[in-house]
Amino acid sequence: MPRNKHKRKAVSHAKPKSLKRLKSKGVMASHPKVFVLLGLLFVALGVSLLVFKSQYNAMFGFAMLSIIVGSVTAIFASFSVPKKKTD
């Protein structure tokens, strides 16, 4: 009779099924450079509206909204741009 009667259970080291499914990345995370350019385009549109069409109240509001949305989009997309490693 062997001395060591207690044997270890074989444990599978596979990940659970819930962890196997990867969350899909968002559109901004998958194409960050496009969204940086899109944000800068919105900022340029807003500035041009302020310069040339600033006499109308509706255009002033649209210009400010465009500048805010463009800058927020460009900032969030710039966080998603992959950094270059300097090794």
PDB file of N, CA and C in Angstrom:
ATOM      1  N   MET A   1       0.836  -1.172   0.000  1.00  0.00           N
ATOM      2  CA  MET A   1       0.000   0.000   0.000  1.00  0.00           C
ATOM      3  C   MET A   1       0.889   1.247   0.000  1.00  0.00           C
ATOM      4  N   PRO A   2       0.592   2.208  -0.872  1.00  0.00           N
ATOM      5  CA  PRO A   2       1.454   3.386  -0.940  1.00  0.00           C
ATOM      6  C   PRO A   2       1.291   4.275   0.290  1.00  0.00           C
ATOM      7  N   ARG A   3       2.362   4.959   0.602  1.00  0.00           N
ATOM      8  CA  ARG A   3       2.328   5.844   1.770  1.00  0.00           C
ATOM      9  C   ARG A   3       1.454   7.060   1.529  1.00  0.00           C
ATOM     10  N   ASN A   4       1.568   7.599   0.353  1.00  0.00           N
ATOM     11  CA  ASN A   4       0.820   8.818   0.036  1.00  0.00           C
ATOM     12  C   ASN A   4      -0.490   8.447  -0.651  1.00  0.00           C
ATOM     13  N   LYS A   5      -1.566   8.390   0.121  1.00  0.00           N
ATOM     14  CA  LYS A   5      -2.850   8.001  -0.432  1.00  0.00           C
ATOM     15  C   LYS A   5      -3.556   9.168  -1.120  1.00  0.00           C
ATOM     16  N   HIS A   6      -3.292  10.386  -0.671  1.00  0.00           N
ATOM     17  CA  HIS A   6      -3.994  11.551  -1.196  1.00  0.00           C
ATOM     18  C   HIS A   6      -3.305  12.029  -2.471  1.00  0.00           C
ATOM     19  N   LYS A   7      -4.020  11.928  -3.548  1.00  0.00           N
ATOM     20  CA  LYS A   7      -3.476  12.381  -4.816  1.00  0.00           C
ATOM     21  C   LYS A   7      -4.109  13.721  -5.179  1.00  0.00           C
ATOM     22  N   ARG A   8      -3.346  14.492  -5.891  1.00  0.00           N
ATOM     23  CA  ARG A   8      -3.862  15.796  -6.328  1.00  0.00           C
ATOM     24  C   ARG A   8      -4.803  15.604  -7.502  1.00  0.00           C
ATOM     25  N   LYS A   9      -5.808  16.460  -7.519  1.00  0.00           N
ATOM     26  CA  LYS A   9      -6.724  16.430  -8.648  1.00  0.00           C
ATOM     27  C   LYS A   9      -6.076  17.133  -9.822  1.00  0.00           C
ATOM     28  N   ALA A  10      -6.304  16.609 -10.980  1.00  0.00           N
ATOM     29  CA  ALA A  10      -5.796  17.261 -12.187  1.00  0.00           C
ATOM     30  C   ALA A  10      -6.663  18.485 -12.464  1.00  0.00           C
ATOM     31  N   VAL A  11      -6.021  19.620 -12.521  1.00  0.00           N
ATOM     32  CA  VAL A  11      -6.726  20.873 -12.738  1.00  0.00           C
ATOM     33  C   VAL A  11      -6.413  21.349 -14.149  1.00  0.00           C
ATOM     34  N   SER A  12      -7.452  21.667 -14.874  1.00  0.00           N
ATOM     35  CA  SER A  12      -7.204  22.204 -16.206  1.00  0.00           C
ATOM     36  C   SER A  12      -6.844  23.679 -16.066  1.00  0.00           C
ATOM     37  N   HIS A  13      -5.858  24.076 -16.805  1.00  0.00           N
ATOM     38  CA  HIS A  13      -5.393  25.459 -16.724  1.00  0.00           C
ATOM     39  C   HIS A  13      -5.995  26.320 -17.824  1.00  0.00           C
ATOM     40  N   ALA A  14      -7.046  25.839 -18.421  1.00  0.00           N
ATOM     41  CA  ALA A  14      -7.718  26.607 -19.468  1.00  0.00           C
ATOM     42  C   ALA A  14      -8.518  27.734 -18.826  1.00  0.00           C
ATOM     43  N   LYS A  15      -8.635  28.822 -19.565  1.00  0.00           N
ATOM     44  CA  LYS A  15      -9.405  29.964 -19.060  1.00  0.00           C
ATOM     45  C   LYS A  15     -10.890  29.631 -19.114  1.00  0.00           C
ATOM     46  N   PRO A  16     -11.650  30.201 -18.214  1.00  0.00           N
ATOM     47  CA  PRO A  16     -13.097  29.972 -18.269  1.00  0.00           C
ATOM     48  C   PRO A  16     -13.693  30.525 -19.564  1.00  0.00           C
ATOM     49  N   LYS A  17     -14.838  29.984 -19.932  1.00  0.00           N
ATOM     50  CA  LYS A  17     -15.460  30.392 -21.181  1.00  0.00           C
ATOM     51  C   LYS A  17     -15.835  31.861 -21.185  1.00  0.00           C
ATOM     52  N   SER A  18     -16.151  32.412 -20.035  1.00  0.00           N
ATOM     53  CA  SER A  18     -16.539  33.820 -19.995  1.00  0.00           C
ATOM     54  C   SER A  18     -15.357  34.731 -20.290  1.00  0.00           C
ATOM     55  N   LEU A  19     -14.143  34.302 -19.981  1.00  0.00           N
ATOM     56  CA  LEU A  19     -12.977  35.122 -20.262  1.00  0.00           C
ATOM     57  C   LEU A  19     -12.460  34.927 -21.674  1.00  0.00           C
ATOM     58  N   LYS A  20     -12.859  33.845 -22.318  1.00  0.00           N
ATOM     59  CA  LYS A  20     -12.379  33.597 -23.675  1.00  0.00           C
ATOM     60  C   LYS A  20     -12.945  34.605 -24.663  1.00  0.00           C
ATOM     61  N   ARG A  21     -14.183  35.028 -24.434  1.00  0.00           N
ATOM     62  CA  ARG A  21     -14.790  36.008 -25.335  1.00  0.00           C
ATOM     63  C   ARG A  21     -14.170  37.370 -25.072  1.00  0.00           C
ATOM     64  N   LEU A  22     -13.513  37.905 -26.063  1.00  0.00           N
ATOM     65  CA  LEU A  22     -12.908  39.210 -25.926  1.00  0.00           C
ATOM     66  C   LEU A  22     -13.929  40.289 -26.231  1.00  0.00           C
ATOM     67  N   LYS A  23     -13.838  41.369 -25.494  1.00  0.00           N
ATOM     68  CA  LYS A  23     -14.704  42.488 -25.799  1.00  0.00           C
ATOM     69  C   LYS A  23     -14.196  43.153 -27.072  1.00  0.00           C
ATOM     70  N   SER A  24     -15.115  43.489 -27.932  1.00  0.00           N
ATOM     71  CA  SER A  24     -14.703  44.128 -29.173  1.00  0.00           C
ATOM     72  C   SER A  24     -14.267  45.562 -28.881  1.00  0.00           C
ATOM     73  N   LYS A  25     -13.208  45.960 -29.544  1.00  0.00           N
ATOM     74  CA  LYS A  25     -12.740  47.320 -29.367  1.00  0.00           C
ATOM     75  C   LYS A  25     -13.680  48.268 -30.082  1.00  0.00           C
ATOM     76  N   GLY A  26     -13.757  49.465 -29.587  1.00  0.00           N
ATOM     77  CA  GLY A  26     -14.612  50.454 -30.214  1.00  0.00           C
ATOM     78  C   GLY A  26     -14.013  50.950 -31.515  1.00  0.00           C
ATOM     79  N   VAL A  27     -14.791  51.714 -32.229  1.00  0.00           N
ATOM     80  CA  VAL A  27     -14.338  52.239 -33.505  1.00  0.00           C
ATOM     81  C   VAL A  27     -13.200  53.228 -33.296  1.00  0.00           C
ATOM     82  N   MET A  28     -13.305  54.042 -32.248  1.00  0.00           N
ATOM     83  CA  MET A  28     -12.266  55.032 -31.991  1.00  0.00           C
ATOM     84  C   MET A  28     -10.954  54.363 -31.600  1.00  0.00           C
ATOM     85  N   ALA A  29     -11.018  53.251 -30.895  1.00  0.00           N
ATOM     86  CA  ALA A  29      -9.807  52.554 -30.495  1.00  0.00           C
ATOM     87  C   ALA A  29      -9.172  51.805 -31.655  1.00  0.00           C
ATOM     88  N   SER A  30      -9.979  51.389 -32.628  1.00  0.00           N
ATOM     89  CA  SER A  30      -9.410  50.654 -33.739  1.00  0.00           C
ATOM     90  C   SER A  30      -8.877  51.569 -34.845  1.00  0.00           C
ATOM     91  N   HIS A  31      -9.398  52.796 -34.963  1.00  0.00           N
ATOM     92  CA  HIS A  31      -8.931  53.753 -35.971  1.00  0.00           C
ATOM     93  C   HIS A  31      -8.677  55.108 -35.315  1.00  0.00           C
ATOM     94  N   PRO A  32      -7.677  55.224 -34.444  1.00  0.00           N
ATOM     95  CA  PRO A  32      -7.513  56.486 -33.706  1.00  0.00           C
ATOM     96  C   PRO A  32      -7.035  57.648 -34.564  1.00  0.00           C
ATOM     97  N   LYS A  33      -6.196  57.387 -35.571  1.00  0.00           N
ATOM     98  CA  LYS A  33      -5.664  58.492 -36.374  1.00  0.00           C
ATOM     99  C   LYS A  33      -6.756  59.157 -37.204  1.00  0.00           C
ATOM    100  N   VAL A  34      -7.715  58.369 -37.646  1.00  0.00           N
ATOM    101  CA  VAL A  34      -8.838  58.930 -38.413  1.00  0.00           C
ATOM    102  C   VAL A  34      -9.655  59.856 -37.525  1.00  0.00           C
ATOM    103  N   PHE A  35      -9.871  59.454 -36.275  1.00  0.00           N
ATOM    104  CA  PHE A  35     -10.677  60.276 -35.380  1.00  0.00           C
ATOM    105  C   PHE A  35      -9.928  61.511 -34.891  1.00  0.00           C
ATOM    106  N   VAL A  36      -8.607  61.442 -34.819  1.00  0.00           N
ATOM    107  CA  VAL A  36      -7.837  62.657 -34.510  1.00  0.00           C
ATOM    108  C   VAL A  36      -8.014  63.660 -35.640  1.00  0.00           C
ATOM    109  N   LEU A  37      -7.895  63.183 -36.880  1.00  0.00           N
ATOM    110  CA  LEU A  37      -8.083  64.079 -38.027  1.00  0.00           C
ATOM    111  C   LEU A  37      -9.512  64.605 -38.107  1.00  0.00           C
ATOM    112  N   LEU A  38     -10.487  63.762 -37.783  1.00  0.00           N
ATOM    113  CA  LEU A  38     -11.882  64.194 -37.776  1.00  0.00           C
ATOM    114  C   LEU A  38     -12.129  65.266 -36.712  1.00  0.00           C
ATOM    115  N   GLY A  39     -11.529  65.087 -35.543  1.00  0.00           N
ATOM    116  CA  GLY A  39     -11.657  66.088 -34.489  1.00  0.00           C
ATOM    117  C   GLY A  39     -11.029  67.409 -34.886  1.00  0.00           C
ATOM    118  N   LEU A  40      -9.856  67.350 -35.521  1.00  0.00           N
ATOM    119  CA  LEU A  40      -9.217  68.584 -35.978  1.00  0.00           C
ATOM    120  C   LEU A  40     -10.018  69.243 -37.098  1.00  0.00           C
ATOM    121  N   LEU A  41     -10.690  68.436 -37.914  1.00  0.00           N
ATOM    122  CA  LEU A  41     -11.564  68.988 -38.949  1.00  0.00           C
ATOM    123  C   LEU A  41     -12.742  69.729 -38.327  1.00  0.00           C
ATOM    124  N   PHE A  42     -13.318  69.182 -37.273  1.00  0.00           N
ATOM    125  CA  PHE A  42     -14.408  69.868 -36.571  1.00  0.00           C
ATOM    126  C   PHE A  42     -13.933  71.180 -35.952  1.00  0.00           C
ATOM    127  N   VAL A  43     -12.737  71.170 -35.393  1.00  0.00           N
ATOM    128  CA  VAL A  43     -12.201  72.407 -34.803  1.00  0.00           C
ATOM    129  C   VAL A  43     -11.985  73.452 -35.892  1.00  0.00           C
ATOM    130  N   ALA A  44     -11.430  73.043 -37.038  1.00  0.00           N
ATOM    131  CA  ALA A  44     -11.217  73.980 -38.137  1.00  0.00           C
ATOM    132  C   ALA A  44     -12.544  74.510 -38.678  1.00  0.00           C
ATOM    133  N   LEU A  45     -13.559  73.650 -38.743  1.00  0.00           N
ATOM    134  CA  LEU A  45     -14.883  74.093 -39.176  1.00  0.00           C
ATOM    135  C   LEU A  45     -15.460  75.121 -38.210  1.00  0.00           C
ATOM    136  N   GLY A  46     -15.306  74.873 -36.928  1.00  0.00           N
ATOM    137  CA  GLY A  46     -15.810  75.814 -35.933  1.00  0.00           C
ATOM    138  C   GLY A  46     -15.108  77.150 -35.982  1.00  0.00           C
ATOM    139  N   VAL A  47     -13.796  77.120 -36.163  1.00  0.00           N
ATOM    140  CA  VAL A  47     -13.047  78.381 -36.244  1.00  0.00           C
ATOM    141  C   VAL A  47     -13.436  79.143 -37.504  1.00  0.00           C
ATOM    142  N   SER A  48     -13.595  78.444 -38.619  1.00  0.00           N
ATOM    143  CA  SER A  48     -13.997  79.134 -39.848  1.00  0.00           C
ATOM    144  C   SER A  48     -15.405  79.717 -39.726  1.00  0.00           C
ATOM    145  N   LEU A  49     -16.298  79.016 -39.049  1.00  0.00           N
ATOM    146  CA  LEU A  49     -17.633  79.579 -38.828  1.00  0.00           C
ATOM    147  C   LEU A  49     -17.582  80.801 -37.924  1.00  0.00           C
ATOM    148  N   LEU A  50     -16.705  80.786 -36.941  1.00  0.00           N
ATOM    149  CA  LEU A  50     -16.575  81.965 -36.076  1.00  0.00           C
ATOM    150  C   LEU A  50     -16.023  83.158 -36.844  1.00  0.00           C
ATOM    151  N   VAL A  51     -15.104  82.911 -37.746  1.00  0.00           N
ATOM    152  CA  VAL A  51     -14.478  84.012 -38.468  1.00  0.00           C
ATOM    153  C   VAL A  51     -15.416  84.591 -39.518  1.00  0.00           C
ATOM    154  N   PHE A  52     -16.088  83.738 -40.287  1.00  0.00           N
ATOM    155  CA  PHE A  52     -16.846  84.230 -41.433  1.00  0.00           C
ATOM    156  C   PHE A  52     -18.341  84.388 -41.184  1.00  0.00           C
ATOM    157  N   LYS A  53     -18.933  83.644 -40.269  1.00  0.00           N
ATOM    158  CA  LYS A  53     -20.386  83.690 -40.068  1.00  0.00           C
ATOM    159  C   LYS A  53     -20.751  84.042 -38.626  1.00  0.00           C
ATOM    160  N   SER A  54     -19.949  84.814 -37.957  1.00  0.00           N
ATOM    161  CA  SER A  54     -20.171  85.045 -36.527  1.00  0.00           C
ATOM    162  C   SER A  54     -21.315  86.009 -36.244  1.00  0.00           C
ATOM    163  N   GLN A  55     -21.892  86.681 -37.266  1.00  0.00           N
ATOM    164  CA  GLN A  55     -22.952  87.641 -36.999  1.00  0.00           C
ATOM    165  C   GLN A  55     -24.285  86.985 -36.683  1.00  0.00           C
ATOM    166  N   TYR A  56     -24.451  85.693 -36.993  1.00  0.00           N
ATOM    167  CA  TYR A  56     -25.692  84.986 -36.708  1.00  0.00           C
ATOM    168  C   TYR A  56     -25.542  84.198 -35.411  1.00  0.00           C
ATOM    169  N   ASN A  57     -26.554  84.286 -34.549  1.00  0.00           N
ATOM    170  CA  ASN A  57     -26.492  83.598 -33.265  1.00  0.00           C
ATOM    171  C   ASN A  57     -26.462  82.084 -33.427  1.00  0.00           C
ATOM    172  N   ALA A  58     -27.215  81.568 -34.406  1.00  0.00           N
ATOM    173  CA  ALA A  58     -27.243  80.122 -34.615  1.00  0.00           C
ATOM    174  C   ALA A  58     -25.887  79.619 -35.090  1.00  0.00           C
ATOM    175  N   MET A  59     -25.229  80.377 -35.956  1.00  0.00           N
ATOM    176  CA  MET A  59     -23.907  79.968 -36.442  1.00  0.00           C
ATOM    177  C   MET A  59     -22.862  80.050 -35.333  1.00  0.00           C
ATOM    178  N   PHE A  60     -23.009  81.018 -34.441  1.00  0.00           N
ATOM    179  CA  PHE A  60     -22.085  81.121 -33.317  1.00  0.00           C
ATOM    180  C   PHE A  60     -22.216  79.900 -32.411  1.00  0.00           C
ATOM    181  N   GLY A  61     -23.432  79.491 -32.130  1.00  0.00           N
ATOM    182  CA  GLY A  61     -23.650  78.308 -31.299  1.00  0.00           C
ATOM    183  C   GLY A  61     -23.156  77.042 -31.967  1.00  0.00           C
ATOM    184  N   PHE A  62     -23.409  76.932 -33.270  1.00  0.00           N
ATOM    185  CA  PHE A  62     -22.925  75.755 -33.999  1.00  0.00           C
ATOM    186  C   PHE A  62     -21.406  75.729 -34.056  1.00  0.00           C
ATOM    187  N   ALA A  63     -20.788  76.908 -34.181  1.00  0.00           N
ATOM    188  CA  ALA A  63     -19.326  76.979 -34.208  1.00  0.00           C
ATOM    189  C   ALA A  63     -18.739  76.553 -32.867  1.00  0.00           C
ATOM    190  N   MET A  64     -19.320  77.006 -31.793  1.00  0.00           N
ATOM    191  CA  MET A  64     -18.821  76.622 -30.466  1.00  0.00           C
ATOM    192  C   MET A  64     -19.027  75.134 -30.216  1.00  0.00           C
ATOM    193  N   LEU A  65     -20.166  74.626 -30.608  1.00  0.00           N
ATOM    194  CA  LEU A  65     -20.437  73.201 -30.454  1.00  0.00           C
ATOM    195  C   LEU A  65     -19.456  72.371 -31.281  1.00  0.00           C
ATOM    196  N   SER A  66     -19.158  72.830 -32.477  1.00  0.00           N
ATOM    197  CA  SER A  66     -18.220  72.127 -33.337  1.00  0.00           C
ATOM    198  C   SER A  66     -16.812  72.137 -32.750  1.00  0.00           C
ATOM    199  N   ILE A  67     -16.400  73.247 -32.181  1.00  0.00           N
ATOM    200  CA  ILE A  67     -15.067  73.333 -31.569  1.00  0.00           C
ATOM    201  C   ILE A  67     -14.973  72.405 -30.362  1.00  0.00           C
ATOM    202  N   ILE A  68     -16.001  72.387 -29.541  1.00  0.00           N
ATOM    203  CA  ILE A  68     -15.980  71.547 -28.335  1.00  0.00           C
ATOM    204  C   ILE A  68     -15.980  70.067 -28.706  1.00  0.00           C
ATOM    205  N   VAL A  69     -16.870  69.668 -29.614  1.00  0.00           N
ATOM    206  CA  VAL A  69     -16.944  68.260 -30.019  1.00  0.00           C
ATOM    207  C   VAL A  69     -15.650  67.831 -30.707  1.00  0.00           C
ATOM    208  N   GLY A  70     -15.102  68.686 -31.542  1.00  0.00           N
ATOM    209  CA  GLY A  70     -13.861  68.362 -32.236  1.00  0.00           C
ATOM    210  C   GLY A  70     -12.679  68.218 -31.306  1.00  0.00           C
ATOM    211  N   SER A  71     -12.574  69.104 -30.332  1.00  0.00           N
ATOM    212  CA  SER A  71     -11.435  69.015 -29.408  1.00  0.00           C
ATOM    213  C   SER A  71     -11.559  67.792 -28.498  1.00  0.00           C
ATOM    214  N   VAL A  72     -12.762  67.483 -28.040  1.00  0.00           N
ATOM    215  CA  VAL A  72     -12.941  66.300 -27.195  1.00  0.00           C
ATOM    216  C   VAL A  72     -12.661  65.030 -27.989  1.00  0.00           C
ATOM    217  N   THR A  73     -13.126  64.978 -29.228  1.00  0.00           N
ATOM    218  CA  THR A  73     -12.873  63.812 -30.072  1.00  0.00           C
ATOM    219  C   THR A  73     -11.388  63.636 -30.336  1.00  0.00           C
ATOM    220  N   ALA A  74     -10.705  64.721 -30.636  1.00  0.00           N
ATOM    221  CA  ALA A  74      -9.268  64.637 -30.916  1.00  0.00           C
ATOM    222  C   ALA A  74      -8.482  64.216 -29.673  1.00  0.00           C
ATOM    223  N   ILE A  75      -8.867  64.706 -28.511  1.00  0.00           N
ATOM    224  CA  ILE A  75      -8.151  64.350 -27.274  1.00  0.00           C
ATOM    225  C   ILE A  75      -8.363  62.877 -26.941  1.00  0.00           C
ATOM    226  N   PHE A  76      -9.610  62.399 -27.002  1.00  0.00           N
ATOM    227  CA  PHE A  76      -9.859  60.991 -26.687  1.00  0.00           C
ATOM    228  C   PHE A  76      -9.213  60.056 -27.697  1.00  0.00           C
ATOM    229  N   ALA A  77      -9.208  60.443 -28.953  1.00  0.00           N
ATOM    230  CA  ALA A  77      -8.580  59.600 -29.968  1.00  0.00           C
ATOM    231  C   ALA A  77      -7.066  59.613 -29.826  1.00  0.00           C
ATOM    232  N   SER A  78      -6.495  60.712 -29.364  1.00  0.00           N
ATOM    233  CA  SER A  78      -5.038  60.757 -29.191  1.00  0.00           C
ATOM    234  C   SER A  78      -4.585  59.857 -28.047  1.00  0.00           C
ATOM    235  N   PHE A  79      -5.468  59.587 -27.089  1.00  0.00           N
ATOM    236  CA  PHE A  79      -5.124  58.632 -26.034  1.00  0.00           C
ATOM    237  C   PHE A  79      -5.038  57.212 -26.577  1.00  0.00           C
ATOM    238  N   SER A  80      -5.763  56.928 -27.659  1.00  0.00           N
ATOM    239  CA  SER A  80      -5.796  55.580 -28.219  1.00  0.00           C
ATOM    240  C   SER A  80      -4.687  55.320 -29.232  1.00  0.00           C
ATOM    241  N   VAL A  81      -3.966  56.343 -29.645  1.00  0.00           N
ATOM    242  CA  VAL A  81      -2.898  56.164 -30.631  1.00  0.00           C
ATOM    243  C   VAL A  81      -1.779  55.354 -29.977  1.00  0.00           C
ATOM    244  N   PRO A  82      -1.320  54.283 -30.629  1.00  0.00           N
ATOM    245  CA  PRO A  82      -0.243  53.481 -30.035  1.00  0.00           C
ATOM    246  C   PRO A  82       1.058  54.278 -29.953  1.00  0.00           C
ATOM    247  N   LYS A  83       1.712  54.136 -28.829  1.00  0.00           N
ATOM    248  CA  LYS A  83       2.964  54.861 -28.600  1.00  0.00           C
ATOM    249  C   LYS A  83       4.121  54.067 -29.208  1.00  0.00           C
ATOM    250  N   LYS A  84       5.095  54.782 -29.763  1.00  0.00           N
ATOM    251  CA  LYS A  84       6.269  54.123 -30.313  1.00  0.00           C
ATOM    252  C   LYS A  84       7.249  53.826 -29.190  1.00  0.00           C
ATOM    253  N   LYS A  85       7.788  52.614 -29.198  1.00  0.00           N
ATOM    254  CA  LYS A  85       8.767  52.242 -28.196  1.00  0.00           C
ATOM    255  C   LYS A  85      10.147  52.678 -28.664  1.00  0.00           C
ATOM    256  N   THR A  86      10.899  53.304 -27.783  1.00  0.00           N
ATOM    257  CA  THR A  86      12.254  53.755 -28.136  1.00  0.00           C
ATOM    258  C   THR A  86      13.258  52.845 -27.436  1.00  0.00           C
ATOM    259  N   ASP A  87      13.465  51.678 -28.002  1.00  0.00           N
ATOM    260  CA  ASP A  87      14.417  50.723 -27.431  1.00  0.00           C
ATOM    261  C   ASP A  87      15.677  50.697 -28.246  1.00  0.00           C
TER     262      ASP A  87
END
